[in-house]
Structure formats: C-alpha cells, structure tokens
C-alpha cells in the first residue's frame, strides 16, 4: 500500500479540492458569469492534468492558477470578439447568400486558428503579415504604415510565413499514424511490389 509522504507536494486531486472553489469564485468575479467561470476553472484543472506541476505551497499553487486563469480569460474574450465580428459580418449579408451552418462553423474555427497564429507572433510581424497578405498592401505601403524600413517588412513577412509553414508541418506530422511519434508499428508508406 502506498502511503503519501506528508512532506511531498500535493497531487491534482488535493489541488482540485483545495483550490477549485476559490478559482471558480475568482473567475466569477472577473467574468461576471458563473457558467463561464465554472467552464474556465474546469479547463484550468484539465491543463494541470495534461501537464502536471508540483507546488511547494498553497500560495504558489494559487498564484500559478490565477496566472493560468487570466490567460484563459483573455482567450475567451478574444474568441468572443472574433465570433462577434463574424456574426456582424453575417448579419450584413443578404439572407439569400448566407453560408450553411456547417460552413459558418468551419469559417469561425479557421478564424480562431488564424488569431492563434497571429497572436503567437510579435505584434509588428503579425501586422505586417496581415497588411501584406490579407490587405494586399505593398511592402513599401506596409513600411510607411508601421514606420519601419521595407527590409524590416520583408523580414516580418518572412518570419510570419515561416511560422505558418512550421505550424502546417506540425499539423501534418500529428495527422500521421502514431501521431508522428517514432517508432511506428506500421509503415506509413505502402510496401514496394
């Protein structure tokens, strides 16, 4: 029988018992919505389960949970902002040309992915990339808008493009059998005849 060492840091179950109500209350005050607070508190502990951490004290655990919860709040607000912009765009369209509910969901998910991609870049690199790629502005126009050199715009766009390609490769690898982890029990390639 394993008896927990009283000197060892608490596990997930103890952290949940000791801090879940506090975290949900903190989120409730910040969000003004009990349902969202419950969802985000749940998400915070799911993240801890996925990436376990040990804390030496209750204040250390709460500090970490609070920081994680702040990030979850920001993510929620960003997603809601994107969703509202998409709904506003749809509302401005004639009903006859509205995409299907399935297409709307795909577009919204794609917008979330683009936002995540852009938010992982430095702000000026993200701005330069959007201006050049989505707004069809020349590097000279982007440079004037951002107050940087044309050469710097080229670097920003190259960095953003490389980042996009790296994410695409990562996603492709994750879709391989075995999640891209080696060694695989089966071959990805068909046998030669």
N, C-alpha and C. Protein backbone atom coordinates (compact mmCIF):
# COMPACT_ATOMS: atom_id res chain seq x y z
N UNK A 1 0.84 -1.18 0.00
CA UNK A 1 0.00 0.00 0.00
C UNK A 1 0.89 1.24 0.00
N UNK A 2 0.59 2.18 -0.90
CA UNK A 2 1.35 3.42 -0.97
C UNK A 2 0.74 4.46 -0.04
N UNK A 3 1.53 4.89 0.91
CA UNK A 3 1.09 5.94 1.82
C UNK A 3 1.78 7.22 1.37
N UNK A 4 0.98 8.29 1.10
CA UNK A 4 1.62 9.52 0.63
C UNK A 4 2.54 10.09 1.68
N UNK A 5 3.65 10.61 1.23
CA UNK A 5 4.62 11.26 2.11
C UNK A 5 4.06 12.63 2.50
N UNK A 6 3.88 12.90 3.81
CA UNK A 6 3.31 14.18 4.22
C UNK A 6 4.17 15.37 3.80
N UNK A 7 5.45 15.14 3.51
CA UNK A 7 6.34 16.24 3.12
C UNK A 7 6.31 16.48 1.61
N UNK A 8 5.67 15.56 0.83
CA UNK A 8 5.66 15.72 -0.62
C UNK A 8 4.58 16.72 -1.03
N UNK A 9 4.78 17.38 -2.19
CA UNK A 9 3.79 18.33 -2.67
C UNK A 9 2.48 17.62 -2.99
N UNK A 10 1.35 18.35 -2.91
CA UNK A 10 0.04 17.72 -3.15
C UNK A 10 -0.15 17.35 -4.61
N UNK A 11 -0.98 16.31 -4.85
CA UNK A 11 -1.31 15.88 -6.20
C UNK A 11 -2.48 16.66 -6.75
N UNK A 12 -2.91 16.31 -7.95
CA UNK A 12 -4.00 17.01 -8.63
C UNK A 12 -5.29 16.96 -7.81
N UNK A 13 -5.62 15.80 -7.27
CA UNK A 13 -6.87 15.69 -6.51
C UNK A 13 -6.89 16.64 -5.32
N UNK A 14 -5.76 16.73 -4.62
CA UNK A 14 -5.67 17.64 -3.48
C UNK A 14 -5.72 19.09 -3.94
N UNK A 15 -5.02 19.40 -5.03
CA UNK A 15 -5.06 20.76 -5.58
C UNK A 15 -6.49 21.14 -5.96
N UNK A 16 -7.18 20.22 -6.60
CA UNK A 16 -8.57 20.47 -7.00
C UNK A 16 -9.44 20.73 -5.78
N UNK A 17 -9.34 19.86 -4.80
CA UNK A 17 -10.14 20.01 -3.58
C UNK A 17 -9.84 21.32 -2.87
N UNK A 18 -8.56 21.66 -2.79
CA UNK A 18 -8.15 22.85 -2.04
C UNK A 18 -8.39 24.17 -2.78
N UNK A 19 -8.38 24.14 -4.13
CA UNK A 19 -8.36 25.41 -4.85
C UNK A 19 -9.46 25.62 -5.88
N UNK A 20 -10.24 24.58 -6.21
CA UNK A 20 -11.23 24.74 -7.27
C UNK A 20 -12.28 25.79 -6.93
N UNK A 21 -12.86 25.72 -5.75
CA UNK A 21 -13.90 26.70 -5.37
C UNK A 21 -13.34 28.11 -5.37
N UNK A 22 -12.12 28.27 -4.83
CA UNK A 22 -11.50 29.59 -4.83
C UNK A 22 -11.31 30.11 -6.25
N UNK A 23 -10.78 29.25 -7.16
CA UNK A 23 -10.52 29.66 -8.53
C UNK A 23 -11.82 30.00 -9.26
N UNK A 24 -12.84 29.19 -9.06
CA UNK A 24 -14.13 29.45 -9.70
C UNK A 24 -14.72 30.77 -9.20
N UNK A 25 -14.58 31.05 -7.91
CA UNK A 25 -15.05 32.33 -7.37
C UNK A 25 -14.27 33.51 -7.95
N UNK A 26 -12.95 33.35 -8.05
CA UNK A 26 -12.11 34.41 -8.61
C UNK A 26 -12.51 34.69 -10.05
N UNK A 27 -12.70 33.61 -10.83
CA UNK A 27 -13.12 33.76 -12.22
C UNK A 27 -14.51 34.36 -12.33
N UNK A 28 -15.39 33.97 -11.44
CA UNK A 28 -16.76 34.51 -11.44
C UNK A 28 -16.76 36.02 -11.24
N UNK A 29 -15.93 36.50 -10.33
CA UNK A 29 -15.84 37.95 -10.10
C UNK A 29 -15.24 38.64 -11.32
N UNK A 30 -14.28 38.02 -11.95
CA UNK A 30 -13.61 38.63 -13.11
C UNK A 30 -14.50 38.63 -14.35
N UNK A 31 -15.25 37.55 -14.55
CA UNK A 31 -16.07 37.40 -15.75
C UNK A 31 -17.50 37.89 -15.58
N UNK A 32 -17.99 37.88 -14.34
CA UNK A 32 -19.37 38.26 -14.10
C UNK A 32 -20.37 37.23 -14.61
N UNK A 33 -19.91 35.98 -14.75
CA UNK A 33 -20.77 34.93 -15.29
C UNK A 33 -20.35 33.60 -14.67
N UNK A 34 -21.26 33.02 -13.88
CA UNK A 34 -20.93 31.79 -13.15
C UNK A 34 -20.67 30.61 -14.09
N UNK A 35 -21.41 30.52 -15.19
CA UNK A 35 -21.23 29.40 -16.11
C UNK A 35 -19.85 29.47 -16.78
N UNK A 36 -19.46 30.65 -17.24
CA UNK A 36 -18.13 30.80 -17.84
C UNK A 36 -17.05 30.53 -16.80
N UNK A 37 -17.26 30.99 -15.58
CA UNK A 37 -16.28 30.76 -14.51
C UNK A 37 -16.10 29.27 -14.25
N UNK A 38 -17.21 28.53 -14.22
CA UNK A 38 -17.14 27.08 -14.00
C UNK A 38 -16.39 26.40 -15.14
N UNK A 39 -16.69 26.82 -16.37
CA UNK A 39 -16.01 26.23 -17.54
C UNK A 39 -14.51 26.48 -17.50
N UNK A 40 -14.11 27.72 -17.22
CA UNK A 40 -12.69 28.04 -17.22
C UNK A 40 -11.95 27.41 -16.05
N UNK A 41 -12.61 27.32 -14.89
CA UNK A 41 -11.97 26.64 -13.75
C UNK A 41 -11.73 25.17 -14.11
N UNK A 42 -12.71 24.57 -14.75
CA UNK A 42 -12.58 23.18 -15.20
C UNK A 42 -11.42 23.06 -16.20
N UNK A 43 -11.36 23.99 -17.16
CA UNK A 43 -10.28 23.98 -18.15
C UNK A 43 -8.91 24.12 -17.51
N UNK A 44 -8.82 24.96 -16.48
CA UNK A 44 -7.53 25.16 -15.80
C UNK A 44 -7.05 23.84 -15.19
N UNK A 45 -7.93 23.10 -14.57
CA UNK A 45 -7.52 21.84 -13.96
C UNK A 45 -7.27 20.76 -15.02
N UNK A 46 -7.97 20.82 -16.13
CA UNK A 46 -7.66 19.89 -17.23
C UNK A 46 -6.24 20.14 -17.74
N UNK A 47 -5.85 21.40 -17.81
CA UNK A 47 -4.49 21.71 -18.24
C UNK A 47 -3.47 21.19 -17.23
N UNK A 48 -3.80 21.29 -15.96
CA UNK A 48 -2.89 20.75 -14.94
C UNK A 48 -2.79 19.23 -15.03
N UNK A 49 -3.87 18.59 -15.39
CA UNK A 49 -3.83 17.14 -15.56
C UNK A 49 -2.97 16.79 -16.77
N UNK A 50 -3.12 17.57 -17.86
CA UNK A 50 -2.35 17.31 -19.08
C UNK A 50 -0.86 17.59 -18.87
N UNK A 51 -0.55 18.61 -18.09
CA UNK A 51 0.84 18.98 -17.80
C UNK A 51 1.00 19.15 -16.30
N UNK A 52 1.15 18.05 -15.60
CA UNK A 52 1.22 18.11 -14.13
C UNK A 52 2.37 19.00 -13.64
N UNK A 53 2.10 19.66 -12.55
CA UNK A 53 3.08 20.52 -11.88
C UNK A 53 3.01 20.25 -10.39
N UNK A 54 4.10 20.47 -9.75
CA UNK A 54 4.14 20.35 -8.29
C UNK A 54 4.32 21.74 -7.70
N UNK A 55 3.62 21.99 -6.62
CA UNK A 55 3.72 23.27 -5.93
C UNK A 55 4.15 23.01 -4.50
N UNK A 56 5.01 23.88 -3.99
CA UNK A 56 5.52 23.72 -2.64
C UNK A 56 4.61 24.33 -1.58
N UNK A 57 3.68 25.19 -2.01
CA UNK A 57 2.80 25.83 -1.04
C UNK A 57 1.48 26.20 -1.69
N UNK A 58 0.47 26.45 -0.86
CA UNK A 58 -0.83 26.87 -1.37
C UNK A 58 -0.74 28.22 -2.09
N UNK A 59 0.00 29.21 -1.54
CA UNK A 59 0.11 30.48 -2.28
C UNK A 59 0.76 30.31 -3.66
N UNK A 60 1.75 29.43 -3.77
CA UNK A 60 2.39 29.19 -5.06
C UNK A 60 1.38 28.58 -6.04
N UNK A 61 0.58 27.63 -5.57
CA UNK A 61 -0.43 26.99 -6.42
C UNK A 61 -1.46 28.02 -6.87
N UNK A 62 -1.92 28.86 -5.96
CA UNK A 62 -2.93 29.86 -6.32
C UNK A 62 -2.37 30.90 -7.28
N UNK A 63 -1.13 31.26 -7.09
CA UNK A 63 -0.50 32.23 -8.00
C UNK A 63 -0.45 31.65 -9.41
N UNK A 64 -0.06 30.40 -9.51
CA UNK A 64 0.01 29.75 -10.82
C UNK A 64 -1.39 29.62 -11.43
N UNK A 65 -2.36 29.17 -10.64
CA UNK A 65 -3.73 29.02 -11.13
C UNK A 65 -4.31 30.36 -11.57
N UNK A 66 -4.02 31.42 -10.82
CA UNK A 66 -4.51 32.75 -11.18
C UNK A 66 -3.91 33.20 -12.51
N UNK A 67 -2.61 33.00 -12.69
CA UNK A 67 -1.97 33.37 -13.95
C UNK A 67 -2.56 32.58 -15.11
N UNK A 68 -2.76 31.28 -14.91
CA UNK A 68 -3.35 30.45 -15.95
C UNK A 68 -4.78 30.92 -16.26
N UNK A 69 -5.54 31.23 -15.21
CA UNK A 69 -6.92 31.67 -15.39
C UNK A 69 -6.99 33.01 -16.14
N UNK A 70 -6.04 33.90 -15.88
CA UNK A 70 -6.01 35.17 -16.61
C UNK A 70 -5.83 34.91 -18.11
N UNK A 71 -4.94 33.99 -18.44
CA UNK A 71 -4.74 33.62 -19.85
C UNK A 71 -5.99 33.01 -20.46
N UNK A 72 -6.68 32.17 -19.69
CA UNK A 72 -7.91 31.57 -20.18
C UNK A 72 -8.99 32.63 -20.41
N UNK A 73 -9.05 33.64 -19.53
CA UNK A 73 -10.00 34.75 -19.71
C UNK A 73 -9.70 35.51 -20.99
N UNK A 74 -8.43 35.80 -21.21
CA UNK A 74 -8.03 36.53 -22.42
C UNK A 74 -8.41 35.72 -23.66
N UNK A 75 -8.14 34.42 -23.63
CA UNK A 75 -8.51 33.55 -24.75
C UNK A 75 -10.02 33.58 -24.99
N UNK A 76 -10.80 33.53 -23.92
CA UNK A 76 -12.27 33.56 -24.03
C UNK A 76 -12.73 34.88 -24.65
N UNK A 77 -12.18 35.99 -24.17
CA UNK A 77 -12.57 37.29 -24.70
C UNK A 77 -12.18 37.44 -26.16
N UNK A 78 -11.02 36.93 -26.53
CA UNK A 78 -10.59 37.00 -27.93
C UNK A 78 -11.52 36.18 -28.82
N UNK A 79 -11.84 34.97 -28.36
CA UNK A 79 -12.74 34.11 -29.14
C UNK A 79 -14.10 34.77 -29.31
N UNK A 80 -14.59 35.37 -28.25
CA UNK A 80 -15.90 36.03 -28.32
C UNK A 80 -15.86 37.24 -29.25
N UNK A 81 -14.75 37.95 -29.22
CA UNK A 81 -14.59 39.11 -30.10
C UNK A 81 -14.59 38.66 -31.57
N UNK A 82 -13.86 37.59 -31.86
CA UNK A 82 -13.83 37.04 -33.22
C UNK A 82 -15.21 36.57 -33.63
N UNK A 83 -15.88 35.86 -32.73
CA UNK A 83 -17.21 35.36 -33.02
C UNK A 83 -18.18 36.51 -33.30
N UNK A 84 -18.10 37.57 -32.51
CA UNK A 84 -19.00 38.71 -32.72
C UNK A 84 -18.72 39.39 -34.06
N UNK A 85 -17.45 39.54 -34.41
CA UNK A 85 -17.10 40.14 -35.71
C UNK A 85 -17.66 39.29 -36.85
N UNK A 86 -17.57 37.96 -36.72
CA UNK A 86 -18.11 37.07 -37.74
C UNK A 86 -19.63 37.18 -37.81
N UNK A 87 -20.29 37.24 -36.66
CA UNK A 87 -21.75 37.38 -36.64
C UNK A 87 -22.18 38.71 -37.24
N UNK A 88 -21.41 39.77 -36.97
CA UNK A 88 -21.71 41.08 -37.56
C UNK A 88 -21.57 41.03 -39.08
N UNK A 89 -20.53 40.33 -39.55
CA UNK A 89 -20.33 40.17 -40.99
C UNK A 89 -21.49 39.41 -41.61
N UNK A 90 -21.93 38.35 -40.96
CA UNK A 90 -23.07 37.56 -41.47
C UNK A 90 -24.34 38.38 -41.47
N UNK A 91 -24.54 39.19 -40.44
CA UNK A 91 -25.76 40.00 -40.34
C UNK A 91 -25.84 41.02 -41.46
N UNK A 92 -24.69 41.43 -41.97
CA UNK A 92 -24.67 42.43 -43.04
C UNK A 92 -24.92 41.80 -44.42
N UNK A 93 -24.95 40.48 -44.49
CA UNK A 93 -25.15 39.78 -45.77
C UNK A 93 -26.63 39.56 -46.03
N UNK A 94 -27.03 39.59 -47.30
CA UNK A 94 -28.42 39.23 -47.60
C UNK A 94 -28.66 37.76 -47.23
N UNK A 95 -29.84 37.47 -46.76
CA UNK A 95 -30.15 36.11 -46.30
C UNK A 95 -29.95 35.07 -47.40
N UNK A 96 -30.15 35.47 -48.62
CA UNK A 96 -30.04 34.52 -49.74
C UNK A 96 -28.61 34.03 -49.96
N UNK A 97 -27.61 34.78 -49.51
CA UNK A 97 -26.22 34.37 -49.74
C UNK A 97 -25.51 33.89 -48.48
N UNK A 98 -26.26 33.70 -47.41
CA UNK A 98 -25.64 33.22 -46.17
C UNK A 98 -25.14 31.80 -46.35
N UNK A 99 -23.93 31.53 -45.86
CA UNK A 99 -23.40 30.16 -45.95
C UNK A 99 -24.17 29.23 -45.00
N UNK A 100 -24.04 27.95 -45.24
CA UNK A 100 -24.71 26.96 -44.39
C UNK A 100 -24.13 27.03 -42.97
N UNK A 101 -24.85 26.46 -42.03
CA UNK A 101 -24.38 26.45 -40.64
C UNK A 101 -23.04 25.73 -40.53
N UNK A 102 -22.86 24.66 -41.30
CA UNK A 102 -21.60 23.92 -41.28
C UNK A 102 -20.46 24.80 -41.80
N UNK A 103 -20.71 25.51 -42.90
CA UNK A 103 -19.68 26.39 -43.47
C UNK A 103 -19.36 27.53 -42.50
N UNK A 104 -20.38 28.06 -41.84
CA UNK A 104 -20.17 29.12 -40.85
C UNK A 104 -19.27 28.63 -39.72
N UNK A 105 -19.50 27.41 -39.25
CA UNK A 105 -18.69 26.84 -38.17
C UNK A 105 -17.25 26.64 -38.62
N UNK A 106 -17.06 26.20 -39.87
CA UNK A 106 -15.71 26.00 -40.40
C UNK A 106 -14.98 27.33 -40.50
N UNK A 107 -15.66 28.35 -40.99
CA UNK A 107 -15.04 29.68 -41.10
C UNK A 107 -14.67 30.20 -39.72
N UNK A 108 -15.56 30.05 -38.76
CA UNK A 108 -15.29 30.54 -37.40
C UNK A 108 -14.09 29.81 -36.79
N UNK A 109 -14.01 28.50 -36.98
CA UNK A 109 -12.87 27.74 -36.46
C UNK A 109 -11.58 28.18 -37.15
N UNK A 110 -11.65 28.45 -38.44
CA UNK A 110 -10.48 28.93 -39.18
C UNK A 110 -10.04 30.30 -38.65
N UNK A 111 -11.00 31.16 -38.37
CA UNK A 111 -10.68 32.47 -37.80
C UNK A 111 -9.98 32.33 -36.44
N UNK A 112 -10.44 31.39 -35.63
CA UNK A 112 -9.77 31.14 -34.34
C UNK A 112 -8.33 30.71 -34.55
N UNK A 113 -8.12 29.82 -35.53
CA UNK A 113 -6.76 29.33 -35.81
C UNK A 113 -5.86 30.46 -36.31
N UNK A 114 -6.40 31.32 -37.17
CA UNK A 114 -5.62 32.45 -37.67
C UNK A 114 -5.27 33.39 -36.52
N UNK A 115 -6.22 33.64 -35.65
CA UNK A 115 -5.96 34.50 -34.50
C UNK A 115 -4.87 33.91 -33.62
N UNK A 116 -4.93 32.61 -33.39
CA UNK A 116 -3.90 31.96 -32.56
C UNK A 116 -2.54 32.08 -33.22
N UNK A 117 -2.50 31.90 -34.52
CA UNK A 117 -1.25 32.03 -35.26
C UNK A 117 -0.70 33.44 -35.13
N UNK A 118 -1.54 34.43 -35.39
CA UNK A 118 -1.09 35.82 -35.36
C UNK A 118 -0.70 36.26 -33.95
N UNK A 119 -1.41 35.78 -32.95
CA UNK A 119 -1.09 36.19 -31.57
C UNK A 119 0.19 35.55 -31.07
N UNK A 120 0.67 34.52 -31.76
CA UNK A 120 1.94 33.89 -31.37
C UNK A 120 3.14 34.60 -32.00
N UNK A 121 2.87 35.57 -32.85
CA UNK A 121 3.93 36.36 -33.49
C UNK A 121 4.11 37.68 -32.77
N UNK A 122 5.28 38.30 -32.90
CA UNK A 122 5.42 39.66 -32.38
C UNK A 122 4.41 40.57 -33.09
N UNK A 123 3.87 41.57 -32.38
CA UNK A 123 2.80 42.40 -32.96
C UNK A 123 3.11 43.01 -34.32
N UNK A 124 4.30 43.55 -34.50
CA UNK A 124 4.61 44.18 -35.80
C UNK A 124 4.72 43.14 -36.91
N UNK A 125 5.24 41.97 -36.60
CA UNK A 125 5.31 40.91 -37.61
C UNK A 125 3.90 40.48 -38.01
N UNK A 126 3.01 40.35 -37.04
CA UNK A 126 1.63 39.97 -37.33
C UNK A 126 0.95 41.05 -38.17
N UNK A 127 1.14 42.32 -37.80
CA UNK A 127 0.54 43.42 -38.56
C UNK A 127 1.06 43.45 -39.99
N UNK A 128 2.37 43.34 -40.15
CA UNK A 128 2.97 43.37 -41.48
C UNK A 128 2.43 42.23 -42.34
N UNK A 129 2.33 41.06 -41.76
CA UNK A 129 1.84 39.89 -42.49
C UNK A 129 0.41 40.10 -42.95
N UNK A 130 -0.45 40.58 -42.05
CA UNK A 130 -1.86 40.80 -42.40
C UNK A 130 -1.98 41.88 -43.47
N UNK A 131 -1.23 42.98 -43.30
CA UNK A 131 -1.30 44.06 -44.28
C UNK A 131 -0.85 43.60 -45.66
N UNK A 132 0.24 42.84 -45.70
CA UNK A 132 0.78 42.39 -46.99
C UNK A 132 -0.06 41.26 -47.59
N UNK A 133 -0.43 40.29 -46.78
CA UNK A 133 -1.12 39.10 -47.30
C UNK A 133 -2.63 39.31 -47.47
N UNK A 134 -3.27 39.86 -46.45
CA UNK A 134 -4.73 39.97 -46.49
C UNK A 134 -5.22 41.28 -47.10
N UNK A 135 -4.48 42.35 -46.87
CA UNK A 135 -4.90 43.66 -47.37
C UNK A 135 -4.27 44.02 -48.70
N UNK A 136 -3.40 43.15 -49.20
CA UNK A 136 -2.75 43.32 -50.49
C UNK A 136 -1.99 44.64 -50.60
N UNK A 137 -1.36 45.03 -49.48
CA UNK A 137 -0.55 46.25 -49.48
C UNK A 137 0.87 45.89 -49.91
N UNK A 138 1.54 46.82 -50.58
CA UNK A 138 2.93 46.60 -50.96
C UNK A 138 3.81 46.72 -49.70
N UNK A 139 5.01 46.16 -49.78
CA UNK A 139 5.93 46.27 -48.64
C UNK A 139 6.22 47.74 -48.32
N UNK A 140 6.30 48.57 -49.36
CA UNK A 140 6.56 50.00 -49.15
C UNK A 140 5.39 50.64 -48.38
N UNK A 141 4.16 50.28 -48.73
CA UNK A 141 2.98 50.81 -48.02
C UNK A 141 2.95 50.32 -46.57
N UNK A 142 3.26 49.05 -46.37
CA UNK A 142 3.30 48.49 -45.01
C UNK A 142 4.38 49.19 -44.19
N UNK A 143 5.55 49.39 -44.80
CA UNK A 143 6.65 50.05 -44.11
C UNK A 143 6.25 51.46 -43.67
N UNK A 144 5.58 52.19 -44.55
CA UNK A 144 5.14 53.55 -44.20
C UNK A 144 4.12 53.51 -43.07
N UNK A 145 3.22 52.55 -43.12
CA UNK A 145 2.18 52.44 -42.09
C UNK A 145 2.77 52.08 -40.72
N UNK A 146 3.74 51.17 -40.70
CA UNK A 146 4.33 50.70 -39.44
C UNK A 146 5.51 51.56 -38.98
N UNK A 147 6.01 52.42 -39.86
CA UNK A 147 7.16 53.25 -39.50
C UNK A 147 8.46 52.47 -39.42
N UNK A 148 8.61 51.51 -40.32
CA UNK A 148 9.83 50.70 -40.39
C UNK A 148 10.33 50.68 -41.82
N UNK A 149 11.48 50.09 -42.05
CA UNK A 149 12.04 50.01 -43.40
C UNK A 149 11.35 48.90 -44.20
N UNK A 150 11.46 49.00 -45.51
CA UNK A 150 10.92 47.96 -46.39
C UNK A 150 11.63 46.63 -46.10
N UNK A 151 12.91 46.70 -45.82
CA UNK A 151 13.67 45.48 -45.49
C UNK A 151 13.12 44.82 -44.22
N UNK A 152 12.73 45.64 -43.24
CA UNK A 152 12.17 45.09 -42.00
C UNK A 152 10.82 44.44 -42.28
N UNK A 153 10.03 45.04 -43.14
CA UNK A 153 8.74 44.44 -43.52
C UNK A 153 8.98 43.07 -44.16
N UNK A 154 9.96 42.99 -45.04
CA UNK A 154 10.27 41.71 -45.68
C UNK A 154 10.65 40.67 -44.63
N UNK A 155 11.41 41.08 -43.61
CA UNK A 155 11.79 40.15 -42.54
C UNK A 155 10.56 39.72 -41.75
N UNK A 156 9.68 40.68 -41.43
CA UNK A 156 8.46 40.36 -40.68
C UNK A 156 7.61 39.35 -41.45
N UNK A 157 7.40 39.61 -42.73
CA UNK A 157 6.56 38.73 -43.55
C UNK A 157 7.21 37.35 -43.69
N UNK A 158 8.52 37.33 -43.86
CA UNK A 158 9.22 36.05 -43.96
C UNK A 158 9.09 35.27 -42.65
N UNK A 159 9.23 35.96 -41.54
CA UNK A 159 9.10 35.29 -40.24
C UNK A 159 7.70 34.72 -40.05
N UNK A 160 6.68 35.50 -40.41
CA UNK A 160 5.30 35.03 -40.27
C UNK A 160 5.03 33.86 -41.20
N UNK A 161 5.54 33.94 -42.42
CA UNK A 161 5.36 32.86 -43.38
C UNK A 161 6.03 31.58 -42.90
N UNK A 162 7.24 31.70 -42.38
CA UNK A 162 7.95 30.54 -41.83
C UNK A 162 7.16 29.94 -40.67
N UNK A 163 6.62 30.79 -39.82
CA UNK A 163 5.82 30.33 -38.69
C UNK A 163 4.60 29.55 -39.18
N UNK A 164 3.93 30.06 -40.21
CA UNK A 164 2.78 29.37 -40.80
C UNK A 164 3.18 27.99 -41.32
N UNK A 165 4.29 27.94 -42.02
CA UNK A 165 4.76 26.67 -42.58
C UNK A 165 5.12 25.68 -41.48
N UNK A 166 5.75 26.17 -40.40
CA UNK A 166 6.10 25.27 -39.30
C UNK A 166 4.84 24.70 -38.65
N UNK A 167 3.82 25.52 -38.48
CA UNK A 167 2.56 25.03 -37.90
C UNK A 167 1.91 24.01 -38.83
N UNK A 168 1.97 24.27 -40.12
CA UNK A 168 1.39 23.34 -41.10
C UNK A 168 2.10 21.99 -41.06
N UNK A 169 3.42 22.02 -40.96
CA UNK A 169 4.20 20.78 -40.88
C UNK A 169 3.86 20.03 -39.59
N UNK A 170 3.79 20.77 -38.46
CA UNK A 170 3.44 20.14 -37.19
C UNK A 170 2.09 19.46 -37.27
N UNK A 171 1.09 20.14 -37.88
CA UNK A 171 -0.23 19.54 -38.01
C UNK A 171 -0.19 18.31 -38.89
N UNK A 172 0.57 18.36 -39.98
CA UNK A 172 0.68 17.21 -40.87
C UNK A 172 1.32 16.03 -40.15
N UNK A 173 2.33 16.28 -39.35
CA UNK A 173 3.00 15.21 -38.60
C UNK A 173 2.04 14.61 -37.58
N UNK A 174 1.25 15.46 -36.92
CA UNK A 174 0.30 14.96 -35.93
C UNK A 174 -0.78 14.08 -36.57
N UNK A 175 -1.06 14.31 -37.85
CA UNK A 175 -2.09 13.53 -38.53
C UNK A 175 -1.56 12.18 -39.03
N UNK A 176 -0.24 11.98 -38.98
CA UNK A 176 0.33 10.70 -39.38
C UNK A 176 -0.09 9.62 -38.41
N UNK A 177 -0.08 8.36 -38.85
CA UNK A 177 -0.34 7.27 -37.90
C UNK A 177 0.65 7.37 -36.74
N UNK A 178 0.23 7.05 -35.57
CA UNK A 178 1.03 7.12 -34.35
C UNK A 178 1.28 8.57 -33.93
N UNK A 179 0.55 9.52 -34.48
CA UNK A 179 0.71 10.92 -34.10
C UNK A 179 2.08 11.47 -34.43
N UNK A 180 2.76 10.86 -35.38
CA UNK A 180 4.08 11.35 -35.77
C UNK A 180 5.19 10.90 -34.85
N UNK A 181 4.84 10.05 -33.87
CA UNK A 181 5.85 9.57 -32.93
C UNK A 181 6.53 8.34 -33.49
N UNK A 182 7.80 8.26 -33.33
CA UNK A 182 8.56 7.10 -33.80
C UNK A 182 8.89 6.23 -32.61
N UNK A 183 9.08 4.97 -32.71
CA UNK A 183 8.85 4.18 -33.91
C UNK A 183 7.39 3.78 -34.03
N UNK A 184 6.93 3.66 -35.22
CA UNK A 184 5.56 3.22 -35.51
C UNK A 184 5.58 1.71 -35.70
N UNK A 185 4.48 1.08 -35.36
CA UNK A 185 4.41 -0.38 -35.57
C UNK A 185 4.11 -0.69 -37.02
N UNK A 186 3.44 0.21 -37.71
CA UNK A 186 3.14 0.00 -39.11
C UNK A 186 3.79 1.08 -39.95
N UNK A 187 4.01 0.78 -41.20
CA UNK A 187 4.65 1.74 -42.10
C UNK A 187 3.63 2.72 -42.63
N UNK A 188 4.07 3.96 -42.79
CA UNK A 188 3.22 4.98 -43.38
C UNK A 188 3.18 4.79 -44.89
N UNK A 189 4.24 4.19 -45.45
CA UNK A 189 4.36 4.03 -46.89
C UNK A 189 3.93 2.63 -47.30
N UNK A 190 3.30 2.52 -48.48
CA UNK A 190 2.91 1.19 -48.93
C UNK A 190 4.16 0.37 -49.26
N UNK A 191 4.01 -0.93 -49.09
CA UNK A 191 5.14 -1.82 -49.39
C UNK A 191 5.43 -1.84 -50.87
N UNK A 192 6.73 -1.91 -51.19
CA UNK A 192 7.13 -1.97 -52.61
C UNK A 192 6.77 -3.34 -53.17
N UNK A 193 6.32 -3.36 -54.42
CA UNK A 193 5.96 -4.66 -55.00
C UNK A 193 7.01 -5.16 -55.93
